[in-house]
PDB file of all heavy atoms in Angstrom:
ATOM      1  N   GLU A   1     132.726 146.295 -47.030  1.00  0.00           N
ATOM      2  CA  GLU A   1     132.143 146.505 -45.712  1.00  0.00           C
ATOM      3  C   GLU A   1     132.007 147.995 -45.425  1.00  0.00           C
ATOM      4  O   GLU A   1     132.895 148.773 -45.748  1.00  0.00           O
ATOM      5  CB  GLU A   1     133.013 145.852 -44.635  1.00  0.00           C
ATOM      6  CG  GLU A   1     133.080 144.347 -44.747  1.00  0.00           C
ATOM      7  CD  GLU A   1     133.936 143.755 -43.634  1.00  0.00           C
ATOM      8  OE1 GLU A   1     134.177 144.482 -42.644  1.00  0.00           O
ATOM      9  OE2 GLU A   1     134.350 142.599 -43.763  1.00  0.00           O
ATOM     10  N   LYS A   2     130.915 148.356 -44.825  1.00  0.00           N
ATOM     11  CA  LYS A   2     130.702 149.736 -44.413  1.00  0.00           C
ATOM     12  C   LYS A   2     130.970 149.867 -42.920  1.00  0.00           C
ATOM     13  O   LYS A   2     130.682 148.942 -42.160  1.00  0.00           O
ATOM     14  CB  LYS A   2     129.267 150.171 -44.711  1.00  0.00           C
ATOM     15  CG  LYS A   2     128.940 150.237 -46.192  1.00  0.00           C
ATOM     16  CD  LYS A   2     127.507 150.702 -46.387  1.00  0.00           C
ATOM     17  CE  LYS A   2     127.166 150.764 -47.875  1.00  0.00           C
ATOM     18  NZ  LYS A   2     125.757 151.216 -48.087  1.00  0.00           N
ATOM     19  N   PRO A   3     131.548 151.007 -42.474  1.00  0.00           N
ATOM     20  CA  PRO A   3     131.738 151.209 -41.026  1.00  0.00           C
ATOM     21  C   PRO A   3     130.393 151.128 -40.309  1.00  0.00           C
ATOM     22  O   PRO A   3     129.358 151.552 -40.824  1.00  0.00           O
ATOM     23  CB  PRO A   3     132.329 152.624 -40.939  1.00  0.00           C
ATOM     24  CG  PRO A   3     132.867 152.897 -42.298  1.00  0.00           C
ATOM     25  CD  PRO A   3     132.012 152.147 -43.263  1.00  0.00           C
ATOM     26  N   GLN A   4     130.422 150.549 -39.154  1.00  0.00           N
ATOM     27  CA  GLN A   4     129.199 150.401 -38.361  1.00  0.00           C
ATOM     28  C   GLN A   4     128.718 151.768 -37.907  1.00  0.00           C
ATOM     29  O   GLN A   4     129.486 152.566 -37.381  1.00  0.00           O
ATOM     30  CB  GLN A   4     129.489 149.515 -37.151  1.00  0.00           C
ATOM     31  CG  GLN A   4     128.254 149.055 -36.409  1.00  0.00           C
ATOM     32  CD  GLN A   4     128.613 148.135 -35.264  1.00  0.00           C
ATOM     33  OE1 GLN A   4     129.568 148.384 -34.544  1.00  0.00           O
ATOM     34  NE2 GLN A   4     127.852 147.059 -35.100  1.00  0.00           N
ATOM     35  N   THR A   5     127.454 152.063 -38.128  1.00  0.00           N
ATOM     36  CA  THR A   5     126.911 153.335 -37.666  1.00  0.00           C
ATOM     37  C   THR A   5     126.726 153.293 -36.158  1.00  0.00           C
ATOM     38  O   THR A   5     126.753 152.229 -35.535  1.00  0.00           O
ATOM     39  CB  THR A   5     125.561 153.634 -38.320  1.00  0.00           C
ATOM     40  OG1 THR A   5     124.600 152.685 -37.842  1.00  0.00           O
ATOM     41  CG2 THR A   5     125.658 153.573 -39.832  1.00  0.00           C
ATOM     42  N   GLU A   6     126.510 154.470 -35.575  1.00  0.00           N
ATOM     43  CA  GLU A   6     126.313 154.563 -34.138  1.00  0.00           C
ATOM     44  C   GLU A   6     125.101 153.746 -33.704  1.00  0.00           C
ATOM     45  O   GLU A   6     125.154 153.003 -32.711  1.00  0.00           O
ATOM     46  CB  GLU A   6     126.141 156.034 -33.751  1.00  0.00           C
ATOM     47  CG  GLU A   6     126.180 156.298 -32.264  1.00  0.00           C
ATOM     48  CD  GLU A   6     126.205 157.788 -31.963  1.00  0.00           C
ATOM     49  OE1 GLU A   6     125.398 158.527 -32.567  1.00  0.00           O
ATOM     50  OE2 GLU A   6     127.028 158.207 -31.122  1.00  0.00           O
ATOM     51  N   VAL A   7     124.022 153.848 -34.457  1.00  0.00           N
ATOM     52  CA  VAL A   7     122.802 153.113 -34.103  1.00  0.00           C
ATOM     53  C   VAL A   7     123.029 151.612 -34.219  1.00  0.00           C
ATOM     54  O   VAL A   7     122.599 150.829 -33.358  1.00  0.00           O
ATOM     55  CB  VAL A   7     121.622 153.557 -34.990  1.00  0.00           C
ATOM     56  CG1 VAL A   7     120.400 152.670 -34.749  1.00  0.00           C
ATOM     57  CG2 VAL A   7     121.277 155.019 -34.717  1.00  0.00           C
ATOM     58  N   GLU A   8     123.734 151.189 -35.274  1.00  0.00           N
ATOM     59  CA  GLU A   8     124.023 149.765 -35.429  1.00  0.00           C
ATOM     60  C   GLU A   8     124.879 149.252 -34.274  1.00  0.00           C
ATOM     61  O   GLU A   8     124.691 148.128 -33.796  1.00  0.00           O
ATOM     62  CB  GLU A   8     124.729 149.521 -36.760  1.00  0.00           C
ATOM     63  CG  GLU A   8     123.807 149.669 -37.961  1.00  0.00           C
ATOM     64  CD  GLU A   8     124.563 149.653 -39.278  1.00  0.00           C
ATOM     65  OE1 GLU A   8     125.788 149.941 -39.282  1.00  0.00           O
ATOM     66  OE2 GLU A   8     123.938 149.347 -40.307  1.00  0.00           O
ATOM     67  N   LYS A   9     125.800 150.066 -33.816  1.00  0.00           N
ATOM     68  CA  LYS A   9     126.637 149.698 -32.669  1.00  0.00           C
ATOM     69  C   LYS A   9     125.774 149.518 -31.425  1.00  0.00           C
ATOM     70  O   LYS A   9     125.931 148.549 -30.675  1.00  0.00           O
ATOM     71  CB  LYS A   9     127.691 150.779 -32.438  1.00  0.00           C
ATOM     72  CG  LYS A   9     128.567 150.586 -31.209  1.00  0.00           C
ATOM     73  CD  LYS A   9     129.626 151.679 -31.134  1.00  0.00           C
ATOM     74  CE  LYS A   9     130.412 151.621 -29.838  1.00  0.00           C
ATOM     75  NZ  LYS A   9     129.626 151.990 -28.664  1.00  0.00           N
ATOM     76  N   TRP A  10     124.855 150.453 -31.200  1.00  0.00           N
ATOM     77  CA  TRP A  10     123.956 150.344 -30.047  1.00  0.00           C
ATOM     78  C   TRP A  10     123.115 149.073 -30.149  1.00  0.00           C
ATOM     79  O   TRP A  10     122.950 148.341 -29.168  1.00  0.00           O
ATOM     80  CB  TRP A  10     123.026 151.548 -29.987  1.00  0.00           C
ATOM     81  CG  TRP A  10     123.705 152.860 -29.721  1.00  0.00           C
ATOM     82  CD1 TRP A  10     124.927 153.056 -29.153  1.00  0.00           C
ATOM     83  CD2 TRP A  10     123.186 154.140 -30.027  1.00  0.00           C
ATOM     84  NE1 TRP A  10     125.204 154.400 -29.082  1.00  0.00           N
ATOM     85  CE2 TRP A  10     124.153 155.097 -29.609  1.00  0.00           C
ATOM     86  CE3 TRP A  10     122.022 154.613 -30.619  1.00  0.00           C
ATOM     87  CZ2 TRP A  10     123.975 156.474 -29.762  1.00  0.00           C
ATOM     88  CZ3 TRP A  10     121.828 155.983 -30.773  1.00  0.00           C
ATOM     89  CH2 TRP A  10     122.802 156.899 -30.340  1.00  0.00           C
ATOM     90  N   GLU A  11     122.564 148.840 -31.327  1.00  0.00           N
ATOM     91  CA  GLU A  11     121.691 147.673 -31.506  1.00  0.00           C
ATOM     92  C   GLU A  11     122.458 146.372 -31.293  1.00  0.00           C
ATOM     93  O   GLU A  11     121.930 145.422 -30.705  1.00  0.00           O
ATOM     94  CB  GLU A  11     121.072 147.715 -32.907  1.00  0.00           C
ATOM     95  CG  GLU A  11     120.057 148.840 -33.073  1.00  0.00           C
ATOM     96  CD  GLU A  11     119.561 148.991 -34.495  1.00  0.00           C
ATOM     97  OE1 GLU A  11     120.255 148.533 -35.428  1.00  0.00           O
ATOM     98  OE2 GLU A  11     118.480 149.578 -34.684  1.00  0.00           O
ATOM     99  N   ALA A  12     123.709 146.340 -31.744  1.00  0.00           N
ATOM    100  CA  ALA A  12     124.524 145.140 -31.557  1.00  0.00           C
ATOM    101  C   ALA A  12     124.807 144.903 -30.079  1.00  0.00           C
ATOM    102  O   ALA A  12     124.745 143.764 -29.598  1.00  0.00           O
ATOM    103  CB  ALA A  12     125.831 145.267 -32.344  1.00  0.00           C
ATOM    104  N   GLN A  13     125.103 145.973 -29.350  1.00  0.00           N
ATOM    105  CA  GLN A  13     125.386 145.807 -27.925  1.00  0.00           C
ATOM    106  C   GLN A  13     124.130 145.405 -27.174  1.00  0.00           C
ATOM    107  O   GLN A  13     124.189 144.599 -26.237  1.00  0.00           O
ATOM    108  CB  GLN A  13     125.975 147.088 -27.338  1.00  0.00           C
ATOM    109  CG  GLN A  13     126.480 146.916 -25.907  1.00  0.00           C
ATOM    110  CD  GLN A  13     127.446 147.994 -25.480  1.00  0.00           C
ATOM    111  OE1 GLN A  13     127.532 149.055 -26.087  1.00  0.00           O
ATOM    112  NE2 GLN A  13     128.195 147.728 -24.417  1.00  0.00           N
ATOM    113  N   ALA A  14     122.984 145.936 -27.569  1.00  0.00           N
ATOM    114  CA  ALA A  14     121.727 145.597 -26.898  1.00  0.00           C
ATOM    115  C   ALA A  14     121.422 144.106 -26.982  1.00  0.00           C
ATOM    116  O   ALA A  14     120.756 143.546 -26.098  1.00  0.00           O
ATOM    117  CB  ALA A  14     120.583 146.406 -27.499  1.00  0.00           C
ATOM    118  N   GLU A  15     121.911 143.435 -28.028  1.00  0.00           N
ATOM    119  CA  GLU A  15     121.696 142.004 -28.169  1.00  0.00           C
ATOM    120  C   GLU A  15     122.396 141.204 -27.074  1.00  0.00           C
ATOM    121  O   GLU A  15     122.035 140.054 -26.813  1.00  0.00           O
ATOM    122  CB  GLU A  15     122.170 141.533 -29.551  1.00  0.00           C
ATOM    123  CG  GLU A  15     121.262 141.941 -30.691  1.00  0.00           C
ATOM    124  CD  GLU A  15     119.863 141.374 -30.527  1.00  0.00           C
ATOM    125  OE1 GLU A  15     119.737 140.155 -30.289  1.00  0.00           O
ATOM    126  OE2 GLU A  15     118.885 142.143 -30.622  1.00  0.00           O
ATOM    127  N   ASN A  16     123.410 141.800 -26.442  1.00  0.00           N
ATOM    128  CA  ASN A  16     124.154 141.114 -25.379  1.00  0.00           C
ATOM    129  C   ASN A  16     123.520 141.284 -24.002  1.00  0.00           C
ATOM    130  O   ASN A  16     124.092 140.833 -23.005  1.00  0.00           O
ATOM    131  CB  ASN A  16     125.587 141.648 -25.314  1.00  0.00           C
ATOM    132  CG  ASN A  16     126.373 141.397 -26.583  1.00  0.00           C
ATOM    133  OD1 ASN A  16     126.130 140.417 -27.276  1.00  0.00           O
ATOM    134  ND2 ASN A  16     127.311 142.277 -26.885  1.00  0.00           N
ATOM    135  N   ILE A  17     122.375 141.958 -23.949  1.00  0.00           N
ATOM    136  CA  ILE A  17     121.806 142.389 -22.664  1.00  0.00           C
ATOM    137  C   ILE A  17     120.382 141.864 -22.527  1.00  0.00           C
ATOM    138  O   ILE A  17     119.595 141.904 -23.484  1.00  0.00           O
ATOM    139  CB  ILE A  17     121.806 143.934 -22.580  1.00  0.00           C
ATOM    140  CG1 ILE A  17     123.223 144.486 -22.735  1.00  0.00           C
ATOM    141  CG2 ILE A  17     121.180 144.409 -21.264  1.00  0.00           C
ATOM    142  CD1 ILE A  17     123.274 145.931 -23.165  1.00  0.00           C
ATOM    143  N   THR A  18     120.060 141.413 -21.332  1.00  0.00           N
ATOM    144  CA  THR A  18     118.684 141.053 -20.998  1.00  0.00           C
ATOM    145  C   THR A  18     118.275 141.811 -19.742  1.00  0.00           C
ATOM    146  O   THR A  18     119.028 141.835 -18.763  1.00  0.00           O
ATOM    147  CB  THR A  18     118.540 139.545 -20.749  1.00  0.00           C
ATOM    148  OG1 THR A  18     118.899 138.841 -21.942  1.00  0.00           O
ATOM    149  CG2 THR A  18     117.105 139.185 -20.364  1.00  0.00           C
ATOM    150  N   ILE A  19     117.108 142.435 -19.776  1.00  0.00           N
ATOM    151  CA  ILE A  19     116.546 143.116 -18.610  1.00  0.00           C
ATOM    152  C   ILE A  19     115.305 142.351 -18.172  1.00  0.00           C
ATOM    153  O   ILE A  19     114.401 142.098 -18.976  1.00  0.00           O
ATOM    154  CB  ILE A  19     116.182 144.582 -18.921  1.00  0.00           C
ATOM    155  CG1 ILE A  19     117.416 145.358 -19.386  1.00  0.00           C
ATOM    156  CG2 ILE A  19     115.562 145.256 -17.685  1.00  0.00           C
ATOM    157  CD1 ILE A  19     117.120 146.762 -19.879  1.00  0.00           C
ATOM    158  N   ILE A  20     115.288 141.957 -16.912  1.00  0.00           N
ATOM    159  CA  ILE A  20     114.111 141.289 -16.340  1.00  0.00           C
ATOM    160  C   ILE A  20     113.533 142.204 -15.269  1.00  0.00           C
ATOM    161  O   ILE A  20     114.230 142.574 -14.315  1.00  0.00           O
ATOM    162  CB  ILE A  20     114.478 139.927 -15.725  1.00  0.00           C
ATOM    163  CG1 ILE A  20     115.130 139.023 -16.771  1.00  0.00           C
ATOM    164  CG2 ILE A  20     113.233 139.262 -15.132  1.00  0.00           C
ATOM    165  CD1 ILE A  20     115.629 137.693 -16.212  1.00  0.00           C
ATOM    166  N   ARG A  21     112.298 142.581 -15.434  1.00  0.00           N
ATOM    167  CA  ARG A  21     111.606 143.394 -14.424  1.00  0.00           C
ATOM    168  C   ARG A  21     110.806 142.461 -13.520  1.00  0.00           C
ATOM    169  O   ARG A  21     110.006 141.642 -13.999  1.00  0.00           O
ATOM    170  CB  ARG A  21     110.653 144.390 -15.083  1.00  0.00           C
ATOM    171  CG  ARG A  21     111.328 145.443 -15.933  1.00  0.00           C
ATOM    172  CD  ARG A  21     111.780 146.605 -15.103  1.00  0.00           C
ATOM    173  NE  ARG A  21     112.400 147.663 -15.917  1.00  0.00           N
ATOM    174  CZ  ARG A  21     112.802 148.831 -15.455  1.00  0.00           C
ATOM    175  NH1 ARG A  21     112.641 149.106 -14.161  1.00  0.00           N
ATOM    176  NH2 ARG A  21     113.357 149.713 -16.237  1.00  0.00           N
ATOM    177  N   ASP A  22     111.007 142.591 -12.198  1.00  0.00           N
ATOM    178  CA  ASP A  22     110.263 141.732 -11.285  1.00  0.00           C
ATOM    179  C   ASP A  22     108.927 142.364 -10.917  1.00  0.00           C
ATOM    180  O   ASP A  22     108.503 143.367 -11.499  1.00  0.00           O
ATOM    181  CB  ASP A  22     111.111 141.365 -10.061  1.00  0.00           C
ATOM    182  CG  ASP A  22     111.411 142.544  -9.138  1.00  0.00           C
ATOM    183  OD1 ASP A  22     110.678 143.548  -9.169  1.00  0.00           O
ATOM    184  OD2 ASP A  22     112.386 142.450  -8.359  1.00  0.00           O
ATOM    185  N   ASP A  23     108.245 141.777  -9.945  1.00  0.00           N
ATOM    186  CA  ASP A  23     106.882 142.191  -9.617  1.00  0.00           C
ATOM    187  C   ASP A  23     106.813 143.562  -8.956  1.00  0.00           C
ATOM    188  O   ASP A  23     105.718 144.113  -8.790  1.00  0.00           O
ATOM    189  CB  ASP A  23     106.195 141.143  -8.732  1.00  0.00           C
ATOM    190  CG  ASP A  23     107.084 140.623  -7.617  1.00  0.00           C
ATOM    191  OD1 ASP A  23     108.314 140.838  -7.662  1.00  0.00           O
ATOM    192  OD2 ASP A  23     106.561 139.983  -6.685  1.00  0.00           O
ATOM    193  N   PHE A  24     107.954 144.133  -8.560  1.00  0.00           N
ATOM    194  CA  PHE A  24     107.972 145.508  -8.057  1.00  0.00           C
ATOM    195  C   PHE A  24     108.660 146.454  -9.038  1.00  0.00           C
ATOM    196  O   PHE A  24     108.973 147.590  -8.689  1.00  0.00           O
ATOM    197  CB  PHE A  24     108.648 145.571  -6.685  1.00  0.00           C
ATOM    198  CG  PHE A  24     107.785 144.986  -5.589  1.00  0.00           C
ATOM    199  CD1 PHE A  24     107.940 143.667  -5.201  1.00  0.00           C
ATOM    200  CD2 PHE A  24     106.803 145.747  -4.983  1.00  0.00           C
ATOM    201  CE1 PHE A  24     107.136 143.115  -4.210  1.00  0.00           C
ATOM    202  CE2 PHE A  24     105.997 145.210  -3.998  1.00  0.00           C
ATOM    203  CZ  PHE A  24     106.160 143.890  -3.608  1.00  0.00           C
ATOM    204  N   GLY A  25     108.900 145.982 -10.246  1.00  0.00           N
ATOM    205  CA  GLY A  25     109.509 146.810 -11.270  1.00  0.00           C
ATOM    206  C   GLY A  25     111.011 146.950 -11.149  1.00  0.00           C
ATOM    207  O   GLY A  25     111.619 147.698 -11.920  1.00  0.00           O
ATOM    208  N   VAL A  26     111.629 146.243 -10.198  1.00  0.00           N
ATOM    209  CA  VAL A  26     113.082 146.335 -10.047  1.00  0.00           C
ATOM    210  C   VAL A  26     113.736 145.729 -11.277  1.00  0.00           C
ATOM    211  O   VAL A  26     113.430 144.591 -11.650  1.00  0.00           O
ATOM    212  CB  VAL A  26     113.554 145.596  -8.778  1.00  0.00           C
ATOM    213  CG1 VAL A  26     115.081 145.608  -8.683  1.00  0.00           C
ATOM    214  CG2 VAL A  26     112.933 146.231  -7.542  1.00  0.00           C
ATOM    215  N   PRO A  27     114.657 146.446 -11.932  1.00  0.00           N
ATOM    216  CA  PRO A  27     115.322 145.889 -13.111  1.00  0.00           C
ATOM    217  C   PRO A  27     116.508 145.015 -12.713  1.00  0.00           C
ATOM    218  O   PRO A  27     117.364 145.422 -11.938  1.00  0.00           O
ATOM    219  CB  PRO A  27     115.791 147.135 -13.869  1.00  0.00           C
ATOM    220  CG  PRO A  27     116.027 148.152 -12.803  1.00  0.00           C
ATOM    221  CD  PRO A  27     115.025 147.865 -11.713  1.00  0.00           C
ATOM    222  N   HIS A  28     116.529 143.805 -13.251  1.00  0.00           N
ATOM    223  CA  HIS A  28     117.662 142.903 -13.094  1.00  0.00           C
ATOM    224  C   HIS A  28     118.336 142.862 -14.461  1.00  0.00           C
ATOM    225  O   HIS A  28     117.774 142.318 -15.422  1.00  0.00           O
ATOM    226  CB  HIS A  28     117.195 141.521 -12.655  1.00  0.00           C
ATOM    227  CG  HIS A  28     116.408 141.541 -11.373  1.00  0.00           C
ATOM    228  ND1 HIS A  28     116.945 141.217 -10.146  1.00  0.00           N
ATOM    229  CD2 HIS A  28     115.102 141.858 -11.130  1.00  0.00           C
ATOM    230  CE1 HIS A  28     116.019 141.331  -9.208  1.00  0.00           C
ATOM    231  NE2 HIS A  28     114.888 141.718  -9.781  1.00  0.00           N
ATOM    232  N   ILE A  29     119.523 143.445 -14.571  1.00  0.00           N
ATOM    233  CA  ILE A  29     120.188 143.631 -15.852  1.00  0.00           C
ATOM    234  C   ILE A  29     121.305 142.612 -15.984  1.00  0.00           C
ATOM    235  O   ILE A  29     122.191 142.542 -15.131  1.00  0.00           O
ATOM    236  CB  ILE A  29     120.750 145.060 -15.981  1.00  0.00           C
ATOM    237  CG1 ILE A  29     119.616 146.087 -15.867  1.00  0.00           C
ATOM    238  CG2 ILE A  29     121.488 145.234 -17.293  1.00  0.00           C
ATOM    239  CD1 ILE A  29     119.605 146.845 -14.575  1.00  0.00           C
ATOM    240  N   TYR A  30     121.276 141.839 -17.051  1.00  0.00           N
ATOM    241  CA  TYR A  30     122.284 140.818 -17.309  1.00  0.00           C
ATOM    242  C   TYR A  30     123.010 141.155 -18.609  1.00  0.00           C
ATOM    243  O   TYR A  30     122.379 141.327 -19.659  1.00  0.00           O
ATOM    244  CB  TYR A  30     121.637 139.441 -17.418  1.00  0.00           C
ATOM    245  CG  TYR A  30     120.954 138.992 -16.144  1.00  0.00           C
ATOM    246  CD1 TYR A  30     119.629 139.336 -15.886  1.00  0.00           C
ATOM    247  CD2 TYR A  30     121.635 138.232 -15.191  1.00  0.00           C
ATOM    248  CE1 TYR A  30     118.993 138.943 -14.717  1.00  0.00           C
ATOM    249  CE2 TYR A  30     121.008 137.834 -14.013  1.00  0.00           C
ATOM    250  CZ  TYR A  30     119.690 138.188 -13.785  1.00  0.00           C
ATOM    251  OH  TYR A  30     119.063 137.803 -12.628  1.00  0.00           O
ATOM    252  N   GLY A  31     124.333 141.239 -18.546  1.00  0.00           N
ATOM    253  CA  GLY A  31     125.129 141.522 -19.737  1.00  0.00           C
ATOM    254  C   GLY A  31     126.303 140.574 -19.842  1.00  0.00           C
ATOM    255  O   GLY A  31     126.762 140.015 -18.842  1.00  0.00           O
ATOM    256  N   LYS A  32     126.812 140.398 -21.063  1.00  0.00           N
ATOM    257  CA  LYS A  32     127.981 139.537 -21.241  1.00  0.00           C
ATOM    258  C   LYS A  32     129.212 140.159 -20.582  1.00  0.00           C
ATOM    259  O   LYS A  32     129.980 139.481 -19.912  1.00  0.00           O
ATOM    260  CB  LYS A  32     128.230 139.289 -22.728  1.00  0.00           C
ATOM    261  CG  LYS A  32     127.217 138.361 -23.375  1.00  0.00           C
ATOM    262  CD  LYS A  32     127.621 138.011 -24.801  1.00  0.00           C
ATOM    263  CE  LYS A  32     126.640 137.007 -25.402  1.00  0.00           C
ATOM    264  NZ  LYS A  32     127.014 136.638 -26.801  1.00  0.00           N
ATOM    265  N   THR A  33     129.409 141.452 -20.791  1.00  0.00           N
ATOM    266  CA  THR A  33     130.552 142.145 -20.220  1.00  0.00           C
ATOM    267  C   THR A  33     130.065 143.189 -19.230  1.00  0.00           C
ATOM    268  O   THR A  33     128.874 143.522 -19.182  1.00  0.00           O
ATOM    269  CB  THR A  33     131.371 142.847 -21.316  1.00  0.00           C
ATOM    270  OG1 THR A  33     130.564 143.894 -21.888  1.00  0.00           O
ATOM    271  CG2 THR A  33     131.799 141.872 -22.403  1.00  0.00           C
ATOM    272  N   ASP A  34     130.990 143.748 -18.454  1.00  0.00           N
ATOM    273  CA  ASP A  34     130.622 144.846 -17.555  1.00  0.00           C
ATOM    274  C   ASP A  34     130.066 146.020 -18.351  1.00  0.00           C
ATOM    275  O   ASP A  34     129.110 146.681 -17.919  1.00  0.00           O
ATOM    276  CB  ASP A  34     131.845 145.305 -16.751  1.00  0.00           C
ATOM    277  CG  ASP A  34     132.165 144.372 -15.593  1.00  0.00           C
ATOM    278  OD1 ASP A  34     131.545 143.300 -15.498  1.00  0.00           O
ATOM    279  OD2 ASP A  34     133.041 144.722 -14.780  1.00  0.00           O
ATOM    280  N   ALA A  35     130.669 146.296 -19.519  1.00  0.00           N
ATOM    281  CA  ALA A  35     130.189 147.412 -20.339  1.00  0.00           C
ATOM    282  C   ALA A  35     128.764 147.158 -20.817  1.00  0.00           C
ATOM    283  O   ALA A  35     127.933 148.084 -20.858  1.00  0.00           O
ATOM    284  CB  ALA A  35     131.125 147.635 -21.525  1.00  0.00           C
ATOM    285  N   ASP A  36     128.460 145.911 -21.176  1.00  0.00           N
ATOM    286  CA  ASP A  36     127.078 145.582 -21.558  1.00  0.00           C
ATOM    287  C   ASP A  36     126.130 145.841 -20.389  1.00  0.00           C
ATOM    288  O   ASP A  36     125.037 146.396 -20.559  1.00  0.00           O
ATOM    289  CB  ASP A  36     126.968 144.106 -21.963  1.00  0.00           C
ATOM    290  CG  ASP A  36     127.739 143.777 -23.225  1.00  0.00           C
ATOM    291  OD1 ASP A  36     127.970 144.686 -24.041  1.00  0.00           O
ATOM    292  OD2 ASP A  36     128.118 142.598 -23.385  1.00  0.00           O
ATOM    293  N   ALA A  37     126.546 145.412 -19.183  1.00  0.00           N
ATOM    294  CA  ALA A  37     125.698 145.597 -18.005  1.00  0.00           C
ATOM    295  C   ALA A  37     125.469 147.078 -17.724  1.00  0.00           C
ATOM    296  O   ALA A  37     124.358 147.488 -17.363  1.00  0.00           O
ATOM    297  CB  ALA A  37     126.330 144.913 -16.797  1.00  0.00           C
ATOM    298  N   VAL A  38     126.513 147.893 -17.889  1.00  0.00           N
ATOM    299  CA  VAL A  38     126.369 149.334 -17.678  1.00  0.00           C
ATOM    300  C   VAL A  38     125.431 149.936 -18.718  1.00  0.00           C
ATOM    301  O   VAL A  38     124.567 150.774 -18.399  1.00  0.00           O
ATOM    302  CB  VAL A  38     127.757 150.017 -17.716  1.00  0.00           C
ATOM    303  CG1 VAL A  38     127.624 151.529 -17.860  1.00  0.00           C
ATOM    304  CG2 VAL A  38     128.535 149.673 -16.446  1.00  0.00           C
ATOM    305  N   PHE A  39     125.567 149.537 -19.973  1.00  0.00           N
ATOM    306  CA  PHE A  39     124.661 149.997 -21.035  1.00  0.00           C
ATOM    307  C   PHE A  39     123.211 149.703 -20.634  1.00  0.00           C
ATOM    308  O   PHE A  39     122.338 150.582 -20.678  1.00  0.00           O
ATOM    309  CB  PHE A  39     125.030 149.275 -22.333  1.00  0.00           C
ATOM    310  CG  PHE A  39     124.228 149.662 -23.549  1.00  0.00           C
ATOM    311  CD1 PHE A  39     124.780 150.450 -24.541  1.00  0.00           C
ATOM    312  CD2 PHE A  39     122.921 149.202 -23.733  1.00  0.00           C
ATOM    313  CE1 PHE A  39     124.051 150.791 -25.685  1.00  0.00           C
ATOM    314  CE2 PHE A  39     122.178 149.523 -24.853  1.00  0.00           C
ATOM    315  CZ  PHE A  39     122.746 150.331 -25.841  1.00  0.00           C
ATOM    316  N   GLY A  40     122.957 148.459 -20.226  1.00  0.00           N
ATOM    317  CA  GLY A  40     121.592 148.082 -19.837  1.00  0.00           C
ATOM    318  C   GLY A  40     121.119 148.793 -18.593  1.00  0.00           C
ATOM    319  O   GLY A  40     119.932 149.146 -18.475  1.00  0.00           O
ATOM    320  N   LEU A  41     122.039 149.012 -17.646  1.00  0.00           N
ATOM    321  CA  LEU A  41     121.679 149.703 -16.409  1.00  0.00           C
ATOM    322  C   LEU A  41     121.217 151.120 -16.688  1.00  0.00           C
ATOM    323  O   LEU A  41     120.199 151.570 -16.147  1.00  0.00           O
ATOM    324  CB  LEU A  41     122.880 149.713 -15.457  1.00  0.00           C
ATOM    325  CG  LEU A  41     122.747 150.549 -14.184  1.00  0.00           C
ATOM    326  CD1 LEU A  41     121.604 150.039 -13.309  1.00  0.00           C
ATOM    327  CD2 LEU A  41     124.056 150.545 -13.401  1.00  0.00           C
ATOM    328  N   LEU A  42     121.949 151.838 -17.528  1.00  0.00           N
ATOM    329  CA  LEU A  42     121.552 153.226 -17.816  1.00  0.00           C
ATOM    330  C   LEU A  42     120.278 153.270 -18.643  1.00  0.00           C
ATOM    331  O   LEU A  42     119.434 154.155 -18.449  1.00  0.00           O
ATOM    332  CB  LEU A  42     122.697 153.959 -18.514  1.00  0.00           C
ATOM    333  CG  LEU A  42     123.683 154.687 -17.597  1.00  0.00           C
ATOM    334  CD1 LEU A  42     122.979 155.790 -16.793  1.00  0.00           C
ATOM    335  CD2 LEU A  42     124.385 153.759 -16.643  1.00  0.00           C
ATOM    336  N   TYR A  43     120.113 152.321 -19.540  1.00  0.00           N
ATOM    337  CA  TYR A  43     118.870 152.246 -20.308  1.00  0.00           C
ATOM    338  C   TYR A  43     117.685 152.040 -19.366  1.00  0.00           C
ATOM    339  O   TYR A  43     116.660 152.735 -19.464  1.00  0.00           O
ATOM    340  CB  TYR A  43     118.962 151.110 -21.323  1.00  0.00           C
ATOM    341  CG  TYR A  43     117.780 150.999 -22.248  1.00  0.00           C
ATOM    342  CD1 TYR A  43     117.788 151.609 -23.502  1.00  0.00           C
ATOM    343  CD2 TYR A  43     116.648 150.278 -21.878  1.00  0.00           C
ATOM    344  CE1 TYR A  43     116.692 151.510 -24.357  1.00  0.00           C
ATOM    345  CE2 TYR A  43     115.554 150.171 -22.725  1.00  0.00           C
ATOM    346  CZ  TYR A  43     115.580 150.789 -23.962  1.00  0.00           C
ATOM    347  OH  TYR A  43     114.487 150.694 -24.803  1.00  0.00           O
TER     348      TYR A  43
END
Protein backbone atom coordinates (compact mmCIF):
# COMPACT_ATOMS: atom_id res chain seq x y z
CA GLU A 1 0.00 0.00 0.00
CA LYS A 2 1.15 3.50 -0.78
CA PRO A 3 0.38 6.46 1.55
CA GLN A 4 -2.57 8.44 0.30
CA THR A 5 -1.49 11.59 -1.50
CA GLU A 6 -2.97 14.96 -0.61
CA VAL A 7 -5.01 15.03 -3.82
CA GLU A 8 -6.28 11.50 -3.25
CA LYS A 9 -7.35 12.51 0.25
CA TRP A 10 -9.26 15.50 -1.14
CA GLU A 11 -10.91 13.38 -3.81
CA ALA A 12 -11.95 10.76 -1.25
CA GLN A 13 -13.51 13.38 1.01
CA ALA A 14 -15.30 15.01 -1.93
CA GLU A 15 -17.14 11.72 -2.49
CA ASN A 16 -18.86 12.24 0.88
CA ILE A 17 -20.28 15.62 -0.16
CA THR A 18 -23.15 16.74 -2.35
CA ILE A 19 -23.72 20.38 -3.33
CA ILE A 20 -27.14 21.37 -4.65
CA ARG A 21 -27.49 24.83 -6.15
CA ASP A 22 -31.04 26.19 -6.12
CA ASP A 23 -32.67 28.62 -8.54
CA PHE A 24 -30.93 31.60 -6.89
CA GLY A 25 -27.55 29.89 -6.78
CA VAL A 26 -27.69 29.32 -3.02
CA PRO A 27 -25.48 26.30 -2.21
CA HIS A 28 -27.03 23.58 -0.08
CA ILE A 29 -24.08 21.48 1.12
CA TYR A 30 -24.65 17.97 2.43
CA GLY A 31 -21.84 15.98 4.06
CA LYS A 32 -21.56 12.77 6.05
CA THR A 33 -19.60 14.47 8.83
CA ASP A 34 -19.28 18.07 9.98
CA ALA A 35 -15.78 18.10 8.47
CA ASP A 36 -17.20 16.96 5.13
CA ALA A 37 -19.79 19.75 5.30
CA VAL A 38 -17.09 22.32 6.07
CA PHE A 39 -14.97 21.05 3.15
CA GLY A 40 -17.95 21.46 0.82
CA LEU A 41 -18.90 24.82 2.29
CA LEU A 42 -15.48 26.33 1.63
CA TYR A 43 -15.36 24.80 -1.84
